[in-house]
Amino acid sequence: MTLLEICVDDAAGLEAAIAGGADRVELCSVLELGGLTPTPGLIALAGHANVPVRAMIRPRPGDFVFSESDLAAMLADIEAVRRAGLEGVVLGASLPDGRLDLDILGILAKAAAGLKRTLHRAIDLVPDMEEAVEQAIALGFDTILTAGRARTAPQGMDQLALAHRIAAGRIAIMAGSGIDADTAPALLARVPLPALHASCSTAAPPASPPAIRLGFDSPGRRSTSFEKVSALKAVLSAPSSSLP
């Protein structure tokens, strides 16, 4: 059966993902920016979850070309995740040309020793997917989250198929972006991936007019939908979507 990972960025989303049947949770903040490191309080709360949780380690929005100060913050965040007892971390770092930054990733991987590790969508910036998959394996990652070097996974099926073929069971290729109950069956029929990643979200209710006026709300803010998680889980649990 295909593992379902749901990304969430608040306590309500964590509850909805688990209640809807998520097999694993990716814990973030500010998902409208692609997901940043979650707050210490949310990390601590997730430590009591009854499903595995991996925390995003991304100190700022934008690209994945990190400075020494970014790296220092990421190392401290990894230690906070370890103390909270979460299953693992979600990491990524790039060079200016899009290739994986093996030096920074090596430092982060060493700091995360003993934790499960997902390589996030920094891999979608690389010029050579085959090379990047081999590098992720060498660094000790157990999962790669990717949309196949495209904006959404349904648009990146050819590269997802390539990554899955190169991985050959040595690392899990997990498709993310554009995944829901409608798109998952066709994707899995094309590439029998072991895991899918989705937000299963809807537009969040607008904040109060004063909060909006003062700039306290994000226009792209979304909320995890129990119904959408449940629908996707049902599709993945159906015999027709089981992996060969």
Protein backbone atom coordinates (compact mmCIF):
# COMPACT_ATOMS: atom_id res chain seq x y z
CA MET A 1 0.00 0.00 0.00
CA THR A 2 1.26 3.48 -0.87
CA LEU A 3 2.31 5.54 2.15
CA LEU A 4 0.45 8.84 2.48
CA GLU A 5 2.35 11.79 3.92
CA ILE A 6 0.43 15.00 4.64
CA CYS A 7 2.20 18.32 5.14
CA VAL A 8 0.72 20.61 7.78
CA ASP A 9 1.67 23.95 9.31
CA ASP A 10 -0.45 24.28 12.45
CA ALA A 11 -1.98 22.27 15.29
CA ALA A 12 -5.39 22.01 13.61
CA GLY A 13 -3.76 20.68 10.46
CA LEU A 14 -1.86 18.08 12.46
CA GLU A 15 -5.12 16.86 13.99
CA ALA A 16 -6.93 16.81 10.64
CA ALA A 17 -4.14 14.90 8.91
CA ILE A 18 -4.03 12.21 11.58
CA ALA A 19 -7.82 11.90 11.80
CA GLY A 20 -8.05 11.64 8.01
CA GLY A 21 -5.69 8.68 7.89
CA ALA A 22 -2.23 10.09 7.13
CA ASP A 23 0.49 7.49 7.55
CA ARG A 24 3.07 10.18 8.21
CA VAL A 25 3.12 13.95 8.69
CA GLU A 26 5.56 16.53 7.41
CA LEU A 27 5.54 19.34 9.96
CA CYS A 28 6.13 22.86 8.65
CA SER A 29 5.23 26.48 9.07
CA VAL A 30 3.97 28.84 6.36
CA LEU A 31 3.06 26.26 3.73
CA GLU A 32 2.06 29.04 1.33
CA LEU A 33 5.81 29.70 1.00
CA GLY A 34 6.61 26.06 0.38
CA GLY A 35 7.05 25.21 4.04
CA LEU A 36 9.52 26.56 6.60
CA THR A 37 10.82 25.18 9.89
CA PRO A 38 7.92 24.73 12.33
CA THR A 39 7.80 26.57 15.64
CA PRO A 40 9.26 24.94 18.78
CA GLY A 41 5.77 24.68 20.25
CA LEU A 42 4.39 22.84 17.23
CA ILE A 43 7.42 20.54 17.20
CA ALA A 44 6.82 19.70 20.86
CA LEU A 45 3.12 19.08 20.23
CA ALA A 46 3.91 16.76 17.31
CA GLY A 47 6.15 14.75 19.59
CA HIS A 48 2.96 13.30 21.09
CA ALA A 49 1.40 12.34 17.73
CA ASN A 50 0.49 8.70 17.13
CA VAL A 51 1.94 8.69 13.60
CA PRO A 52 5.53 9.33 12.49
CA VAL A 53 6.36 13.01 12.03
CA ARG A 54 9.23 14.58 10.10
CA ALA A 55 9.97 18.26 10.51
CA MET A 56 10.95 20.62 7.71
CA ILE A 57 14.33 22.25 8.30
CA ARG A 58 14.25 25.38 6.15
CA PRO A 59 15.11 28.65 7.89
CA ARG A 60 13.75 31.11 5.34
CA PRO A 61 11.73 31.39 2.14
CA GLY A 62 13.32 31.69 -1.29
CA ASP A 63 15.95 29.43 -2.75
CA PHE A 64 17.98 26.71 -1.03
CA VAL A 65 21.39 28.38 -1.29
CA PHE A 66 22.22 28.74 2.39
CA SER A 67 24.74 30.93 4.22
CA GLU A 68 26.80 30.00 7.26
CA SER A 69 24.23 31.66 9.51
CA ASP A 70 21.42 29.73 7.79
CA LEU A 71 23.37 26.53 8.40
CA ALA A 72 23.84 27.37 12.08
CA ALA A 73 20.08 27.87 12.48
CA MET A 74 19.35 24.59 10.71
CA LEU A 75 21.71 22.67 12.97
CA ALA A 76 19.98 24.10 16.04
CA ASP A 77 16.58 23.19 14.57
CA ILE A 78 17.68 19.61 13.95
CA GLU A 79 18.69 19.34 17.60
CA ALA A 80 15.25 20.65 18.66
CA VAL A 81 13.58 17.99 16.52
CA ARG A 82 15.75 15.31 18.07
CA ARG A 83 14.88 16.46 21.60
CA ALA A 84 11.17 16.41 20.78
CA GLY A 85 11.37 12.78 19.70
CA LEU A 86 10.15 13.20 16.14
CA GLU A 87 10.94 10.50 13.59
CA GLY A 88 13.03 12.65 11.31
CA VAL A 89 13.79 15.77 9.35
CA VAL A 90 13.25 17.11 5.84
CA LEU A 91 16.36 18.71 4.37
CA GLY A 92 17.70 20.26 1.20
CA ALA A 93 20.44 22.63 0.03
CA SER A 94 21.50 23.83 -3.41
CA LEU A 95 24.44 25.39 -5.14
CA PRO A 96 23.71 28.51 -7.23
CA ASP A 97 23.56 26.37 -10.40
CA GLY A 98 20.89 24.11 -8.91
CA ARG A 99 23.05 21.11 -8.12
CA LEU A 100 22.80 19.70 -4.62
CA ASP A 101 25.17 21.34 -2.14
CA LEU A 102 26.92 18.20 -0.96
CA ASP A 103 29.04 20.02 1.62
CA ILE A 104 26.09 21.54 3.48
CA LEU A 105 23.97 18.42 3.06
CA GLY A 106 26.81 16.34 4.47
CA ILE A 107 26.98 18.55 7.57
CA LEU A 108 23.21 18.42 8.02
CA ALA A 109 23.08 14.66 7.49
CA LYS A 110 25.78 14.12 10.10
CA ALA A 111 23.89 16.32 12.57
CA ALA A 112 20.73 14.30 11.88
CA ALA A 113 22.40 10.91 12.44
CA GLY A 114 19.88 8.49 13.93
CA LEU A 115 16.91 10.42 12.50
CA LYS A 116 15.05 9.51 9.32
CA ARG A 117 15.83 11.93 6.50
CA THR A 118 13.85 13.18 3.50
CA LEU A 119 15.53 15.18 0.75
CA HIS A 120 12.99 17.86 -0.17
CA ARG A 121 12.17 19.57 -3.44
CA ALA A 122 15.56 21.23 -3.73
CA ILE A 123 16.06 18.18 -5.94
CA ASP A 124 13.62 19.67 -8.44
CA LEU A 125 16.18 22.37 -9.24
CA VAL A 126 18.96 19.96 -10.23
CA PRO A 127 20.12 19.68 -13.85
CA ASP A 128 20.56 15.89 -13.63
CA MET A 129 18.03 13.79 -11.74
CA GLU A 130 20.01 10.56 -12.03
CA GLU A 131 23.10 12.13 -10.47
CA ALA A 132 21.03 13.71 -7.67
CA VAL A 133 19.32 10.43 -6.75
CA GLU A 134 22.69 8.72 -6.42
CA GLN A 135 23.98 11.60 -4.29
CA ALA A 136 20.95 11.40 -1.98
CA ILE A 137 21.54 7.69 -1.48
CA ALA A 138 25.22 8.26 -0.72
CA LEU A 139 24.27 10.92 1.86
CA GLY A 140 22.03 8.46 3.71
CA PHE A 141 18.60 9.87 2.88
CA ASP A 142 15.81 7.29 2.94
CA THR A 143 13.24 9.34 0.97
CA ILE A 144 13.25 11.90 -1.85
CA LEU A 145 10.30 14.28 -2.17
CA THR A 146 10.00 15.45 -5.76
CA ALA A 147 7.61 16.65 -8.45
CA GLY A 148 9.93 15.32 -11.13
CA ARG A 149 11.68 18.67 -11.70
CA ALA A 150 8.29 20.19 -12.58
CA ARG A 151 5.85 22.46 -10.80
CA THR A 152 3.51 19.55 -10.06
CA ALA A 153 4.01 15.80 -9.95
CA PRO A 154 1.48 15.06 -12.74
CA GLN A 155 3.57 17.35 -14.98
CA GLY A 156 6.80 15.60 -13.99
CA MET A 157 5.88 11.96 -14.52
CA ASP A 158 8.78 11.19 -16.87
CA GLN A 159 11.36 12.39 -14.36
CA LEU A 160 9.50 10.67 -11.51
CA ALA A 161 9.68 7.43 -13.49
CA LEU A 162 13.41 8.00 -14.07
CA ALA A 163 14.05 8.67 -10.37
CA HIS A 164 12.07 5.59 -9.37
CA ARG A 165 14.01 3.43 -11.85
CA ILE A 166 17.39 4.78 -10.68
CA ALA A 167 16.43 4.37 -7.02
CA ALA A 168 15.76 0.65 -7.59
CA GLY A 169 14.48 0.20 -4.04
CA ARG A 170 17.53 1.83 -2.43
CA ILE A 171 15.60 4.99 -1.55
CA ALA A 172 11.88 5.83 -1.61
CA ILE A 173 10.76 8.26 -4.31
CA MET A 174 7.77 10.21 -2.97
CA ALA A 175 5.81 12.38 -5.40
CA GLY A 176 4.54 15.71 -4.11
CA SER A 177 2.72 18.80 -5.46
CA GLY A 178 -0.59 18.54 -7.24
CA ILE A 179 -1.48 15.27 -5.52
CA ASP A 180 -5.09 14.61 -4.54
CA ALA A 181 -7.77 11.93 -4.86
CA ASP A 182 -8.29 12.83 -8.52
CA THR A 183 -4.67 12.87 -9.68
CA ALA A 184 -3.16 10.06 -7.60
CA PRO A 185 -4.58 7.06 -9.52
CA ALA A 186 -3.19 8.12 -12.91
CA LEU A 187 0.19 8.94 -11.41
CA LEU A 188 0.48 5.58 -9.65
CA ALA A 189 -0.66 3.77 -12.79
CA ARG A 190 2.27 5.39 -14.62
CA VAL A 191 4.86 5.12 -11.80
CA PRO A 192 4.34 2.63 -8.92
CA LEU A 193 5.77 4.90 -6.23
CA PRO A 194 5.92 3.75 -2.61
CA ALA A 195 4.77 7.09 -1.18
CA LEU A 196 2.78 10.22 -2.01
CA HIS A 197 2.93 13.64 -0.35
CA ALA A 198 0.04 16.10 -0.32
CA SER A 199 -1.31 19.12 1.52
CA CYS A 200 -4.99 18.20 1.03
CA SER A 201 -5.82 21.80 1.85
CA THR A 202 -8.51 24.36 1.20
CA ALA A 203 -8.43 28.16 1.38
CA ALA A 204 -8.36 29.20 5.02
CA PRO A 205 -11.19 31.37 6.31
CA PRO A 206 -10.22 35.04 6.06
CA ALA A 207 -8.97 36.77 9.15
CA SER A 208 -10.90 39.62 10.70
CA PRO A 209 -10.88 42.90 8.73
CA PRO A 210 -8.66 44.66 11.31
CA ALA A 211 -6.09 41.86 11.12
CA ILE A 212 -6.10 42.02 7.33
CA ARG A 213 -5.83 45.82 7.37
CA LEU A 214 -2.76 45.66 9.60
CA GLY A 215 -1.11 42.98 7.47
CA PHE A 216 -1.37 40.16 10.01
CA ASP A 217 -2.81 37.60 7.56
CA SER A 218 -1.42 35.91 4.46
CA PRO A 219 -3.66 35.90 1.38
CA GLY A 220 -2.33 32.47 0.42
CA ARG A 221 -3.00 30.83 3.78
CA ARG A 222 -4.68 27.42 3.57
CA SER A 223 -6.04 24.84 6.00
CA THR A 224 -5.65 21.05 6.01
CA SER A 225 -8.95 19.39 5.06
CA PHE A 226 -9.94 16.23 6.92
CA GLU A 227 -12.27 15.40 4.04
CA LYS A 228 -9.54 15.71 1.41
CA VAL A 229 -7.11 13.64 3.44
CA SER A 230 -9.77 10.96 3.92
CA ALA A 231 -10.62 10.92 0.21
CA LEU A 232 -6.99 10.53 -0.84
CA LYS A 233 -6.42 7.84 1.78
CA ALA A 234 -9.45 5.95 0.48
CA VAL A 235 -8.08 6.04 -3.07
CA LEU A 236 -4.71 4.75 -1.94
CA SER A 237 -6.32 2.01 0.15
CA ALA A 238 -8.46 0.72 -2.72
CA PRO A 239 -7.24 -2.57 -4.30
CA SER A 240 -7.01 -0.92 -7.72
CA SER A 241 -4.32 1.50 -6.47
CA SER A 242 -2.17 -1.06 -4.69
CA LEU A 243 1.37 -1.20 -6.00
CA PRO A 244 2.33 -4.21 -8.16
